[in-house]
N, C-alpha and C. Protein backbone atom coordinates (compact mmCIF):
# COMPACT_ATOMS: atom_id res chain seq x y z
N MET A 1 0.82 -1.18 0.00
CA MET A 1 0.00 0.00 0.00
C MET A 1 0.87 1.26 0.00
N PHE A 2 1.94 1.25 0.80
CA PHE A 2 2.80 2.43 0.85
C PHE A 2 3.53 2.63 -0.47
N VAL A 3 3.91 1.56 -1.12
CA VAL A 3 4.58 1.68 -2.42
C VAL A 3 3.61 2.27 -3.43
N ASP A 4 2.35 1.84 -3.40
CA ASP A 4 1.34 2.39 -4.30
C ASP A 4 1.11 3.88 -4.04
N ALA A 5 1.23 4.29 -2.78
CA ALA A 5 0.97 5.69 -2.42
C ALA A 5 2.02 6.63 -2.99
N ILE A 6 3.20 6.12 -3.32
CA ILE A 6 4.25 6.97 -3.88
C ILE A 6 3.75 7.68 -5.14
N GLY A 7 3.05 6.95 -5.98
CA GLY A 7 2.56 7.52 -7.23
C GLY A 7 1.09 7.88 -7.23
N ASP A 8 0.45 7.84 -6.07
CA ASP A 8 -1.00 8.07 -6.02
C ASP A 8 -1.32 9.11 -4.94
N PRO A 9 -1.46 10.38 -5.34
CA PRO A 9 -1.73 11.44 -4.37
C PRO A 9 -3.01 11.21 -3.57
N ALA A 10 -4.03 10.65 -4.19
CA ALA A 10 -5.29 10.41 -3.48
C ALA A 10 -5.10 9.37 -2.37
N LEU A 11 -4.35 8.33 -2.65
CA LEU A 11 -4.08 7.32 -1.63
C LEU A 11 -3.22 7.90 -0.51
N ARG A 12 -2.24 8.74 -0.86
CA ARG A 12 -1.43 9.40 0.18
C ARG A 12 -2.30 10.24 1.10
N GLU A 13 -3.26 10.94 0.52
CA GLU A 13 -4.16 11.77 1.32
C GLU A 13 -4.99 10.90 2.28
N ILE A 14 -5.49 9.78 1.81
CA ILE A 14 -6.25 8.87 2.66
C ILE A 14 -5.38 8.34 3.79
N LEU A 15 -4.17 7.91 3.46
CA LEU A 15 -3.26 7.39 4.48
C LEU A 15 -2.93 8.46 5.52
N ALA A 16 -2.70 9.68 5.05
CA ALA A 16 -2.32 10.76 5.97
C ALA A 16 -3.48 11.17 6.87
N THR A 17 -4.66 11.28 6.31
CA THR A 17 -5.79 11.81 7.10
C THR A 17 -6.49 10.75 7.92
N ARG A 18 -6.65 9.57 7.39
CA ARG A 18 -7.41 8.54 8.10
C ARG A 18 -6.57 7.60 8.93
N LEU A 19 -5.35 7.36 8.50
CA LEU A 19 -4.50 6.41 9.20
C LEU A 19 -3.52 7.12 10.14
N GLN A 20 -2.81 8.10 9.64
CA GLN A 20 -1.75 8.71 10.42
C GLN A 20 -2.21 9.84 11.34
N ALA A 21 -3.13 10.66 10.90
CA ALA A 21 -3.51 11.87 11.65
C ALA A 21 -3.96 11.61 13.08
N PRO A 22 -4.81 10.61 13.34
CA PRO A 22 -5.22 10.40 14.73
C PRO A 22 -4.04 10.05 15.65
N TYR A 23 -3.12 9.24 15.17
CA TYR A 23 -1.94 8.88 15.97
C TYR A 23 -1.01 10.07 16.12
N LEU A 24 -0.88 10.85 15.07
CA LEU A 24 -0.03 12.03 15.11
C LEU A 24 -0.50 12.98 16.21
N ARG A 25 -1.79 13.28 16.22
CA ARG A 25 -2.34 14.18 17.23
C ARG A 25 -2.16 13.62 18.63
N ALA A 26 -2.44 12.34 18.80
CA ALA A 26 -2.31 11.71 20.13
C ALA A 26 -0.87 11.76 20.62
N LEU A 27 0.08 11.45 19.74
CA LEU A 27 1.49 11.49 20.13
C LEU A 27 1.95 12.91 20.42
N GLN A 28 1.48 13.87 19.64
CA GLN A 28 1.83 15.27 19.91
C GLN A 28 1.36 15.67 21.30
N ASP A 29 0.14 15.28 21.65
CA ASP A 29 -0.41 15.62 22.97
C ASP A 29 0.40 14.96 24.08
N VAL A 30 0.73 13.70 23.92
CA VAL A 30 1.44 12.96 24.96
C VAL A 30 2.89 13.43 25.10
N LEU A 31 3.55 13.62 23.96
CA LEU A 31 4.97 13.96 23.99
C LEU A 31 5.24 15.46 24.12
N GLY A 32 4.25 16.27 23.79
CA GLY A 32 4.46 17.71 23.82
C GLY A 32 5.48 18.16 22.80
N GLU A 33 5.52 17.48 21.67
CA GLU A 33 6.49 17.78 20.61
C GLU A 33 5.77 18.35 19.39
N PRO A 34 6.47 19.14 18.58
CA PRO A 34 5.87 19.67 17.35
C PRO A 34 5.65 18.56 16.32
N GLU A 35 4.79 18.87 15.38
CA GLU A 35 4.40 17.90 14.36
C GLU A 35 5.59 17.30 13.62
N ASP A 36 6.57 18.11 13.23
CA ASP A 36 7.68 17.59 12.44
C ASP A 36 8.48 16.54 13.21
N ARG A 37 8.68 16.75 14.51
CA ARG A 37 9.41 15.76 15.32
C ARG A 37 8.61 14.48 15.51
N VAL A 38 7.29 14.62 15.67
CA VAL A 38 6.45 13.44 15.83
C VAL A 38 6.38 12.66 14.52
N LEU A 39 6.30 13.36 13.40
CA LEU A 39 6.31 12.67 12.10
C LEU A 39 7.61 11.89 11.91
N LEU A 40 8.73 12.47 12.31
CA LEU A 40 10.00 11.75 12.21
C LEU A 40 9.98 10.52 13.12
N LEU A 41 9.46 10.66 14.32
CA LEU A 41 9.34 9.52 15.22
C LEU A 41 8.50 8.41 14.58
N ILE A 42 7.37 8.77 14.01
CA ILE A 42 6.51 7.78 13.34
C ILE A 42 7.27 7.12 12.20
N ASP A 43 7.96 7.91 11.39
CA ASP A 43 8.72 7.35 10.28
C ASP A 43 9.77 6.36 10.76
N ILE A 44 10.48 6.71 11.81
CA ILE A 44 11.55 5.84 12.31
C ILE A 44 10.99 4.54 12.87
N VAL A 45 9.96 4.64 13.71
CA VAL A 45 9.42 3.43 14.35
C VAL A 45 8.71 2.54 13.33
N VAL A 46 7.80 3.11 12.56
CA VAL A 46 7.06 2.30 11.59
C VAL A 46 8.00 1.77 10.52
N GLY A 47 8.93 2.61 10.07
CA GLY A 47 9.90 2.17 9.06
C GLY A 47 10.74 1.01 9.56
N THR A 48 11.15 1.07 10.82
CA THR A 48 11.94 -0.02 11.41
C THR A 48 11.14 -1.31 11.46
N LEU A 49 9.89 -1.20 11.90
CA LEU A 49 9.04 -2.40 11.99
C LEU A 49 8.78 -3.00 10.61
N LEU A 50 8.48 -2.15 9.64
CA LEU A 50 8.22 -2.64 8.28
C LEU A 50 9.48 -3.23 7.64
N HIS A 51 10.62 -2.59 7.90
CA HIS A 51 11.88 -3.09 7.35
C HIS A 51 12.16 -4.49 7.88
N ARG A 52 12.02 -4.67 9.19
CA ARG A 52 12.29 -6.00 9.77
C ARG A 52 11.36 -7.05 9.17
N MET A 53 10.08 -6.71 9.05
CA MET A 53 9.12 -7.66 8.48
C MET A 53 9.49 -7.99 7.03
N GLY A 54 9.87 -6.96 6.28
CA GLY A 54 10.23 -7.17 4.88
C GLY A 54 11.50 -7.98 4.70
N MET A 55 12.46 -7.78 5.58
CA MET A 55 13.74 -8.47 5.45
C MET A 55 13.71 -9.90 5.98
N THR A 56 12.91 -10.14 7.01
CA THR A 56 12.91 -11.47 7.62
C THR A 56 11.63 -12.24 7.38
N GLY A 57 10.57 -11.54 7.00
CA GLY A 57 9.27 -12.20 6.83
C GLY A 57 8.56 -12.44 8.15
N ALA A 58 9.12 -11.91 9.22
CA ALA A 58 8.53 -12.10 10.55
C ALA A 58 8.58 -10.77 11.31
N PRO A 59 7.63 -10.56 12.21
CA PRO A 59 7.68 -9.34 13.01
C PRO A 59 8.86 -9.36 13.96
N MET A 60 9.20 -8.19 14.48
CA MET A 60 10.28 -8.09 15.46
C MET A 60 9.91 -8.92 16.69
N VAL A 61 10.92 -9.53 17.28
CA VAL A 61 10.70 -10.27 18.52
C VAL A 61 10.50 -9.26 19.65
N ASP A 62 9.90 -9.70 20.73
CA ASP A 62 9.58 -8.81 21.84
C ASP A 62 10.79 -8.06 22.37
N ALA A 63 11.94 -8.73 22.45
CA ALA A 63 13.13 -8.08 22.98
C ALA A 63 13.56 -6.91 22.09
N ASP A 64 13.44 -7.06 20.78
CA ASP A 64 13.80 -5.98 19.86
C ASP A 64 12.81 -4.82 19.96
N VAL A 65 11.53 -5.15 20.09
CA VAL A 65 10.53 -4.09 20.25
C VAL A 65 10.79 -3.33 21.54
N ALA A 66 11.09 -4.04 22.60
CA ALA A 66 11.39 -3.39 23.88
C ALA A 66 12.60 -2.47 23.75
N GLU A 67 13.62 -2.89 23.03
CA GLU A 67 14.81 -2.06 22.83
C GLU A 67 14.48 -0.82 22.00
N LEU A 68 13.67 -0.99 20.97
CA LEU A 68 13.26 0.15 20.15
C LEU A 68 12.48 1.16 21.01
N ILE A 69 11.58 0.67 21.82
CA ILE A 69 10.81 1.54 22.71
C ILE A 69 11.75 2.26 23.68
N GLU A 70 12.70 1.54 24.24
CA GLU A 70 13.65 2.15 25.17
C GLU A 70 14.44 3.27 24.50
N MET A 71 14.87 3.06 23.28
CA MET A 71 15.62 4.09 22.57
C MET A 71 14.77 5.33 22.33
N VAL A 72 13.52 5.13 21.93
CA VAL A 72 12.63 6.26 21.66
C VAL A 72 12.31 7.00 22.95
N VAL A 73 11.98 6.27 24.00
CA VAL A 73 11.66 6.91 25.29
C VAL A 73 12.87 7.67 25.82
N HIS A 74 14.04 7.08 25.71
CA HIS A 74 15.26 7.74 26.16
C HIS A 74 15.48 9.06 25.43
N HIS A 75 15.27 9.05 24.13
CA HIS A 75 15.46 10.24 23.33
C HIS A 75 14.49 11.35 23.75
N PHE A 76 13.22 11.02 23.90
CA PHE A 76 12.22 12.03 24.21
C PHE A 76 12.21 12.41 25.69
N ALA A 77 12.87 11.65 26.52
CA ALA A 77 12.93 11.98 27.95
C ALA A 77 13.97 13.06 28.23
N ASP A 78 14.91 13.24 27.30
CA ASP A 78 15.97 14.26 27.50
C ASP A 78 15.42 15.66 27.51
């Protein structure tokens, strides 16, 4: 779906408004961060999860997810 969205502005709009926007607002409220920083956070976390699934065919194991969460929390706690 994301690959299709590269060349499809209408699909990008649907993904941005219906899929990403609610999470973006919630994370902005919780983290107290501006939109651009939260978008980067979403890109990093979702991109990492999708990359692992694409490369291995399996989701990240719990220990890796915990480490990813720890890195993100550590960064935003500073």
